[in-house]
Amino acid sequence: MKEEYEDLILKVTGAEALHTGAKIQTLWSGYGEIVRVHLQGSKRSSAVLKHIVFPQEPQHPGGWNTTLSHQRKVKSYQVEITWYKNYSTNDKCRIPECLAAGSFGNEQLIVLEDLDLAGFDLRKNSVDVTGMESCLSWLANFHGCFMGAEPQGLWQTGTYWHLETRPEELEAMEDKELKSAAQKIDGILSGCRFKTIVHGDAKLANFCFSGHLPVVAAVDFQYVGGGCGMKDVAYFLGSCMQERECERLVQGLLDHYFKELKAAVDGEVNFAELESEWRAMFVYAWTDFYRFLLGWMPTHRKNNSYSRKLAKEVLRKI
């Protein structure tokens, strides 16, 4: 670890010494890593360090090693630093406290609270309905917290698959009918009357669970920005369920989300109109992500009969 990084961590944590622990994960396409740092002489016994290093030759798992892809990732880390520096949430949509964040030449550093110490020490590859409801409650409270807020310093339109930032994937699509409708679908979602700030990558892997608390915490805010909350909800549900489960469970899970959202939004919001608009947007949000997958990775498991069914419904409507 560079001396300047070590000095910064010691300063913001009040620690007397530190040593680097296990690597938690490598960042997408080899853009750095997330590691746990163990602290001595601090009220915190550890912190989490997100260390971004922009590579000379990125290695994208899907082969999308383009200048546009690199520029998108660079901006995403700048957005994440802005998020942690300037935004906060509440205990119902818990995020890690940011202890320090900054740029150092072609490297960036974010020092975060270790959520494991706060009781959110479980990561899950699969969840039951109760687990999905916990994550949807987080999303509802997050969306309610930022209802009507301007995404200053964030992505103007959140989510990593937003059409404007993915022209290469659009060009690669073989489904000509959906390809030609992509702009219209994006316009319908962008034209929502009710907008919030969306997480932008609200997959199951980005939620941290607790063994004794009913609430969850969330991490990874590279693609946080403005938009319709259904983008997060559709993407999250798609990350948890197979097509048969979607057919059986989606409506009940949406009911849970809107129940939580109603409790979370300001009383001045006309919730009946909000719910009506966003329920109608669910199929568009799902189809929008499906459109991205068809260009990015046509063989992905989420390109299933449920997604095709919703896409057909959207194409009939427009």
Protein backbone atom coordinates (compact mmCIF):
# COMPACT_ATOMS: atom_id res chain seq x y z
CA MET A 1 0.00 0.00 0.00
CA LYS A 2 1.24 3.48 -0.90
CA GLU A 3 2.36 5.54 2.06
CA GLU A 4 -0.06 8.37 1.23
CA TYR A 5 -2.97 5.90 1.28
CA GLU A 6 -1.87 4.44 4.59
CA ASP A 7 -1.52 7.93 6.10
CA LEU A 8 -5.02 8.85 4.91
CA ILE A 9 -6.59 5.71 6.38
CA LEU A 10 -4.84 6.19 9.71
CA LYS A 11 -5.99 9.80 9.82
CA VAL A 12 -9.68 9.20 9.09
CA THR A 13 -9.98 6.17 11.36
CA GLY A 14 -7.83 7.45 14.21
CA ALA A 15 -5.84 4.23 14.09
CA GLU A 16 -2.23 3.90 15.18
CA ALA A 17 -1.36 1.17 12.72
CA LEU A 18 -2.93 -1.01 10.05
CA HIS A 19 -2.34 -4.09 8.01
CA THR A 20 -4.05 -5.22 4.83
CA GLY A 21 -6.28 -8.24 5.19
CA ALA A 22 -8.01 -10.48 2.69
CA LYS A 23 -9.14 -9.31 -0.73
CA ILE A 24 -12.93 -9.17 -0.81
CA GLN A 25 -13.17 -9.04 -4.58
CA THR A 26 -11.50 -7.88 -7.78
CA LEU A 27 -13.32 -5.02 -9.48
CA TRP A 28 -15.01 -5.62 -12.84
CA SER A 29 -12.61 -5.89 -15.79
CA GLY A 30 -9.57 -5.68 -13.49
CA TYR A 31 -10.09 -2.06 -12.45
CA GLY A 32 -8.69 -2.59 -8.97
CA GLU A 33 -9.88 -4.42 -5.89
CA ILE A 34 -11.79 -4.22 -2.64
CA VAL A 35 -9.86 -5.25 0.47
CA ARG A 36 -10.42 -5.28 4.21
CA VAL A 37 -7.96 -3.25 6.26
CA HIS A 38 -7.42 -4.21 9.92
CA LEU A 39 -6.84 -1.32 12.33
CA GLN A 40 -5.03 -1.00 15.64
CA GLY A 41 -5.74 1.68 18.21
CA SER A 42 -9.02 2.75 16.60
CA LYS A 43 -12.63 2.44 17.73
CA ARG A 44 -13.04 0.53 14.46
CA SER A 45 -11.27 -2.79 14.22
CA SER A 46 -11.46 -2.72 10.42
CA ALA A 47 -12.47 -0.72 7.37
CA VAL A 48 -13.08 -1.58 3.72
CA LEU A 49 -10.90 -0.09 1.02
CA LYS A 50 -12.11 0.24 -2.56
CA HIS A 51 -8.97 0.86 -4.59
CA ILE A 52 -9.55 1.73 -8.25
CA VAL A 53 -6.64 1.53 -10.67
CA PHE A 54 -7.38 2.29 -14.31
CA PRO A 55 -5.58 -0.41 -16.33
CA GLN A 56 -3.56 0.21 -19.48
CA GLU A 57 -5.33 -2.68 -21.24
CA PRO A 58 -8.72 -3.50 -19.68
CA GLN A 59 -9.85 -7.13 -19.93
CA HIS A 60 -13.63 -7.21 -20.15
CA PRO A 61 -15.11 -10.69 -19.51
CA GLY A 62 -17.48 -10.26 -22.45
CA GLY A 63 -14.91 -8.79 -24.82
CA TRP A 64 -16.26 -5.22 -24.71
CA ASN A 65 -12.78 -3.66 -24.47
CA THR A 66 -13.57 -0.32 -26.13
CA THR A 67 -12.75 3.29 -25.43
CA LEU A 68 -16.41 3.98 -24.70
CA SER A 69 -16.53 1.13 -22.20
CA HIS A 70 -13.43 2.47 -20.44
CA GLN A 71 -14.77 6.02 -20.34
CA ARG A 72 -18.05 4.77 -18.87
CA LYS A 73 -16.20 2.96 -16.08
CA VAL A 74 -14.01 5.99 -15.32
CA LYS A 75 -17.11 8.15 -14.96
CA SER A 76 -18.82 5.50 -12.85
CA TYR A 77 -16.09 5.66 -10.21
CA GLN A 78 -16.19 9.47 -10.23
CA VAL A 79 -19.95 9.23 -9.68
CA GLU A 80 -19.46 6.80 -6.81
CA ILE A 81 -17.04 9.17 -5.08
CA THR A 82 -19.53 12.02 -5.50
CA TRP A 83 -22.29 9.81 -4.10
CA TYR A 84 -20.39 8.88 -0.96
CA LYS A 85 -19.19 12.43 -0.39
CA ASN A 86 -22.49 14.26 -0.92
CA TYR A 87 -25.41 11.91 -0.27
CA SER A 88 -26.75 10.10 2.77
CA THR A 89 -29.68 7.82 3.55
CA ASN A 90 -31.44 6.54 6.68
CA ASP A 91 -31.42 3.29 8.64
CA LYS A 92 -34.17 1.80 6.47
CA CYS A 93 -31.95 2.01 3.39
CA ARG A 94 -28.58 1.53 5.04
CA ILE A 95 -25.32 2.17 3.19
CA PRO A 96 -21.74 2.12 4.46
CA GLU A 97 -20.43 5.34 5.99
CA CYS A 98 -17.76 6.91 3.79
CA LEU A 99 -14.65 7.78 5.79
CA ALA A 100 -12.64 9.22 2.90
CA ALA A 101 -12.74 9.35 -0.90
CA GLY A 102 -10.56 10.95 -3.52
CA SER A 103 -8.60 10.75 -6.75
CA PHE A 104 -4.85 10.23 -6.91
CA GLY A 105 -3.70 10.50 -10.52
CA ASN A 106 -4.95 7.44 -12.37
CA GLU A 107 -6.07 5.83 -9.10
CA GLN A 108 -9.04 6.43 -6.83
CA LEU A 109 -9.56 5.45 -3.25
CA ILE A 110 -12.75 5.06 -1.20
CA VAL A 111 -12.46 4.18 2.49
CA LEU A 112 -15.71 2.76 3.84
CA GLU A 113 -17.19 1.52 7.07
CA ASP A 114 -16.96 -2.26 7.37
CA LEU A 115 -20.61 -3.32 7.25
CA ASP A 116 -19.69 -6.69 8.75
CA LEU A 117 -18.98 -4.90 12.04
CA ALA A 118 -22.43 -3.29 11.88
CA GLY A 119 -24.06 -6.72 11.73
CA PHE A 120 -24.51 -6.96 7.96
CA ASP A 121 -22.06 -9.80 7.58
CA LEU A 122 -23.99 -12.18 5.31
CA ARG A 123 -23.83 -12.32 1.50
CA LYS A 124 -26.29 -14.54 -0.32
CA ASN A 125 -26.35 -16.24 -3.70
CA SER A 126 -30.05 -17.01 -3.40
CA VAL A 127 -32.93 -15.85 -1.21
CA ASP A 128 -36.47 -16.86 -0.37
CA VAL A 129 -39.47 -14.54 -0.54
CA THR A 130 -38.65 -13.03 2.86
CA GLY A 131 -35.15 -12.19 1.69
CA MET A 132 -36.45 -10.60 -1.50
CA GLU A 133 -38.94 -8.57 0.50
CA SER A 134 -36.12 -7.25 2.71
CA CYS A 135 -34.25 -6.01 -0.35
CA LEU A 136 -37.41 -4.54 -1.88
CA SER A 137 -38.04 -2.72 1.39
CA TRP A 138 -34.55 -1.23 1.09
CA LEU A 139 -35.29 -0.14 -2.47
CA ALA A 140 -38.68 1.33 -1.54
CA ASN A 141 -37.16 3.37 1.28
CA PHE A 142 -34.26 4.45 -0.93
CA HIS A 143 -36.63 5.58 -3.68
CA GLY A 144 -38.90 7.26 -1.16
CA CYS A 145 -35.96 9.06 0.41
CA PHE A 146 -34.98 10.64 -2.92
CA MET A 147 -38.38 11.06 -4.57
CA GLY A 148 -38.20 14.14 -6.80
CA ALA A 149 -34.51 14.77 -6.05
CA GLU A 150 -32.14 16.02 -8.74
CA PRO A 151 -29.18 13.67 -9.33
CA GLN A 152 -26.52 16.35 -8.95
CA GLY A 153 -23.06 14.99 -9.73
CA LEU A 154 -24.52 11.55 -10.44
CA TRP A 155 -25.63 9.94 -13.69
CA GLN A 156 -28.45 12.03 -15.09
CA THR A 157 -30.11 8.71 -15.92
CA GLY A 158 -29.04 5.94 -13.57
CA THR A 159 -28.41 2.19 -14.29
CA TYR A 160 -25.42 0.71 -16.06
CA TRP A 161 -27.47 -0.42 -19.07
CA HIS A 162 -28.97 2.97 -19.97
CA LEU A 163 -29.46 3.15 -23.72
CA GLU A 164 -27.53 6.40 -24.23
CA THR A 165 -24.40 4.84 -22.72
CA ARG A 166 -24.73 1.52 -24.59
CA PRO A 167 -24.75 2.21 -28.36
CA GLU A 168 -22.38 -0.68 -29.07
CA GLU A 169 -24.65 -3.21 -27.40
CA LEU A 170 -27.65 -1.78 -29.27
CA GLU A 171 -25.84 -2.11 -32.57
CA ALA A 172 -25.03 -5.76 -31.79
CA MET A 173 -28.70 -6.73 -31.27
CA GLU A 174 -30.19 -9.25 -33.69
CA ASP A 175 -33.80 -8.75 -32.56
CA LYS A 176 -34.68 -6.05 -35.09
CA GLU A 177 -38.16 -5.32 -33.76
CA LEU A 178 -37.00 -4.70 -30.20
CA LYS A 179 -33.93 -2.86 -31.47
CA SER A 180 -36.07 -0.42 -33.43
CA ALA A 181 -38.29 0.12 -30.37
CA ALA A 182 -35.40 0.74 -27.97
CA GLN A 183 -35.50 4.53 -28.22
CA LYS A 184 -39.24 4.63 -27.65
CA ILE A 185 -39.02 2.35 -24.60
CA ASP A 186 -36.26 4.54 -23.18
CA GLY A 187 -38.36 7.63 -23.86
CA ILE A 188 -41.37 6.18 -22.03
CA LEU A 189 -39.25 5.43 -18.96
CA SER A 190 -37.50 8.80 -19.10
CA GLY A 191 -40.84 10.54 -19.50
CA CYS A 192 -42.16 9.38 -16.14
CA ARG A 193 -43.79 12.11 -14.10
CA PHE A 194 -42.48 10.61 -10.85
CA LYS A 195 -38.72 10.26 -10.68
CA THR A 196 -36.29 9.40 -7.94
CA ILE A 197 -32.65 8.40 -7.59
CA VAL A 198 -32.08 4.76 -8.49
CA HIS A 199 -29.28 2.53 -7.22
CA GLY A 200 -28.48 1.49 -10.76
CA ASP A 201 -27.01 -1.96 -10.04
CA ALA A 202 -29.41 -3.38 -7.45
CA LYS A 203 -28.60 -7.05 -7.92
CA LEU A 204 -28.70 -9.53 -5.06
CA ALA A 205 -24.89 -9.57 -4.81
CA ASN A 206 -24.89 -5.90 -3.81
CA PHE A 207 -27.05 -6.43 -0.71
CA CYS A 208 -25.62 -7.28 2.70
CA PHE A 209 -27.78 -9.32 5.06
CA SER A 210 -27.85 -9.72 8.82
CA GLY A 211 -28.54 -12.83 10.83
CA HIS A 212 -30.57 -10.91 13.42
CA LEU A 213 -31.86 -7.73 11.73
CA PRO A 214 -34.85 -7.63 9.35
CA VAL A 215 -33.24 -4.85 7.31
CA VAL A 216 -30.42 -5.09 4.76
CA ALA A 217 -27.67 -2.75 3.63
CA ALA A 218 -26.48 -2.07 0.08
CA VAL A 219 -23.17 -1.27 -1.59
CA ASP A 220 -21.76 -0.35 -5.03
CA PHE A 221 -23.01 3.03 -6.21
CA GLN A 222 -21.16 3.40 -9.52
CA TYR A 223 -24.36 3.75 -11.54
CA VAL A 224 -26.56 5.69 -9.15
CA GLY A 225 -28.61 8.41 -10.85
CA GLY A 226 -32.02 9.69 -11.80
CA GLY A 227 -34.94 7.66 -13.09
CA CYS A 228 -37.98 5.52 -12.48
CA GLY A 229 -37.71 3.23 -9.45
CA MET A 230 -39.06 0.30 -11.45
CA LYS A 231 -35.66 -0.01 -13.13
CA ASP A 232 -34.14 -1.08 -9.82
CA VAL A 233 -37.07 -3.31 -8.93
CA ALA A 234 -37.20 -5.16 -12.25
CA TYR A 235 -33.43 -5.64 -12.31
CA PHE A 236 -33.36 -6.88 -8.71
CA LEU A 237 -36.15 -9.40 -9.23
CA GLY A 238 -34.46 -10.67 -12.36
CA SER A 239 -31.28 -11.25 -10.35
CA CYS A 240 -33.11 -13.50 -7.88
CA MET A 241 -35.57 -15.64 -9.77
CA GLN A 242 -35.90 -18.10 -12.61
CA GLU A 243 -38.67 -17.62 -15.15
CA ARG A 244 -41.23 -19.88 -13.42
CA GLU A 245 -40.70 -18.10 -10.12
CA CYS A 246 -41.23 -14.77 -11.87
CA GLU A 247 -44.58 -15.91 -13.21
CA ARG A 248 -45.64 -17.00 -9.74
CA LEU A 249 -44.16 -14.36 -7.43
CA VAL A 250 -43.66 -11.02 -9.17
CA GLN A 251 -47.10 -9.53 -8.49
CA GLY A 252 -46.99 -10.29 -4.78
CA LEU A 253 -43.47 -8.87 -4.51
CA LEU A 254 -44.58 -5.72 -6.32
CA ASP A 255 -47.42 -5.38 -3.81
CA HIS A 256 -44.88 -5.54 -1.00
CA TYR A 257 -42.67 -2.93 -2.65
CA PHE A 258 -45.52 -0.46 -3.12
CA LYS A 259 -46.72 -0.98 0.44
CA GLU A 260 -43.24 -0.06 1.66
CA LEU A 261 -42.94 2.83 -0.79
CA LYS A 262 -46.23 4.32 0.40
CA ALA A 263 -44.89 4.44 3.95
CA ALA A 264 -41.62 5.96 2.75
CA VAL A 265 -42.72 8.84 0.51
CA ASP A 266 -43.54 12.34 1.61
CA GLY A 267 -47.21 12.96 2.36
CA GLU A 268 -47.35 15.62 -0.34
CA VAL A 269 -46.82 13.02 -3.07
CA ASN A 270 -50.01 11.74 -4.70
CA PHE A 271 -49.24 8.10 -4.04
CA ALA A 272 -52.18 6.69 -5.99
CA GLU A 273 -50.89 8.38 -9.13
CA LEU A 274 -47.30 7.37 -8.37
CA GLU A 275 -48.23 3.72 -7.92
CA SER A 276 -50.39 3.69 -11.03
CA GLU A 277 -47.60 5.14 -13.16
CA TRP A 278 -44.83 2.95 -11.81
CA ARG A 279 -46.82 -0.30 -11.95
CA ALA A 280 -47.38 0.42 -15.63
CA MET A 281 -43.64 1.08 -16.04
CA PHE A 282 -42.59 -2.33 -14.69
CA VAL A 283 -42.86 -4.14 -18.04
CA TYR A 284 -40.97 -1.32 -19.79
CA ALA A 285 -38.19 -1.41 -17.18
CA TRP A 286 -37.88 -5.19 -17.48
CA THR A 287 -37.86 -5.02 -21.27
CA ASP A 288 -35.30 -2.21 -21.24
CA PHE A 289 -32.80 -4.42 -19.40
CA TYR A 290 -33.71 -7.39 -21.61
CA ARG A 291 -32.89 -5.19 -24.61
CA PHE A 292 -29.43 -4.55 -23.17
CA LEU A 293 -28.78 -8.24 -22.51
CA LEU A 294 -29.73 -9.21 -26.07
CA GLY A 295 -26.92 -7.01 -27.34
CA TRP A 296 -24.40 -7.60 -24.55
CA MET A 297 -24.77 -11.35 -23.99
CA PRO A 298 -27.58 -13.02 -26.00
CA THR A 299 -26.99 -16.37 -24.27
CA HIS A 300 -27.50 -14.99 -20.75
CA ARG A 301 -29.85 -17.04 -18.57
CA LYS A 302 -32.11 -14.00 -18.04
CA ASN A 303 -33.01 -14.04 -21.74
CA ASN A 304 -35.84 -16.42 -20.95
CA SER A 305 -39.50 -16.96 -21.76
CA TYR A 306 -40.66 -14.54 -19.06
CA SER A 307 -38.52 -11.74 -20.52
CA ARG A 308 -39.72 -12.53 -24.04
CA LYS A 309 -43.33 -12.47 -22.83
CA LEU A 310 -42.97 -9.02 -21.27
CA ALA A 311 -41.11 -7.71 -24.33
CA LYS A 312 -43.95 -8.85 -26.58
CA GLU A 313 -46.43 -7.09 -24.30
CA VAL A 314 -44.42 -3.86 -24.54
CA LEU A 315 -44.11 -4.09 -28.32
CA ARG A 316 -47.88 -4.50 -28.62
CA LYS A 317 -48.42 -1.40 -26.47
CA ILE A 318 -46.11 0.87 -28.41
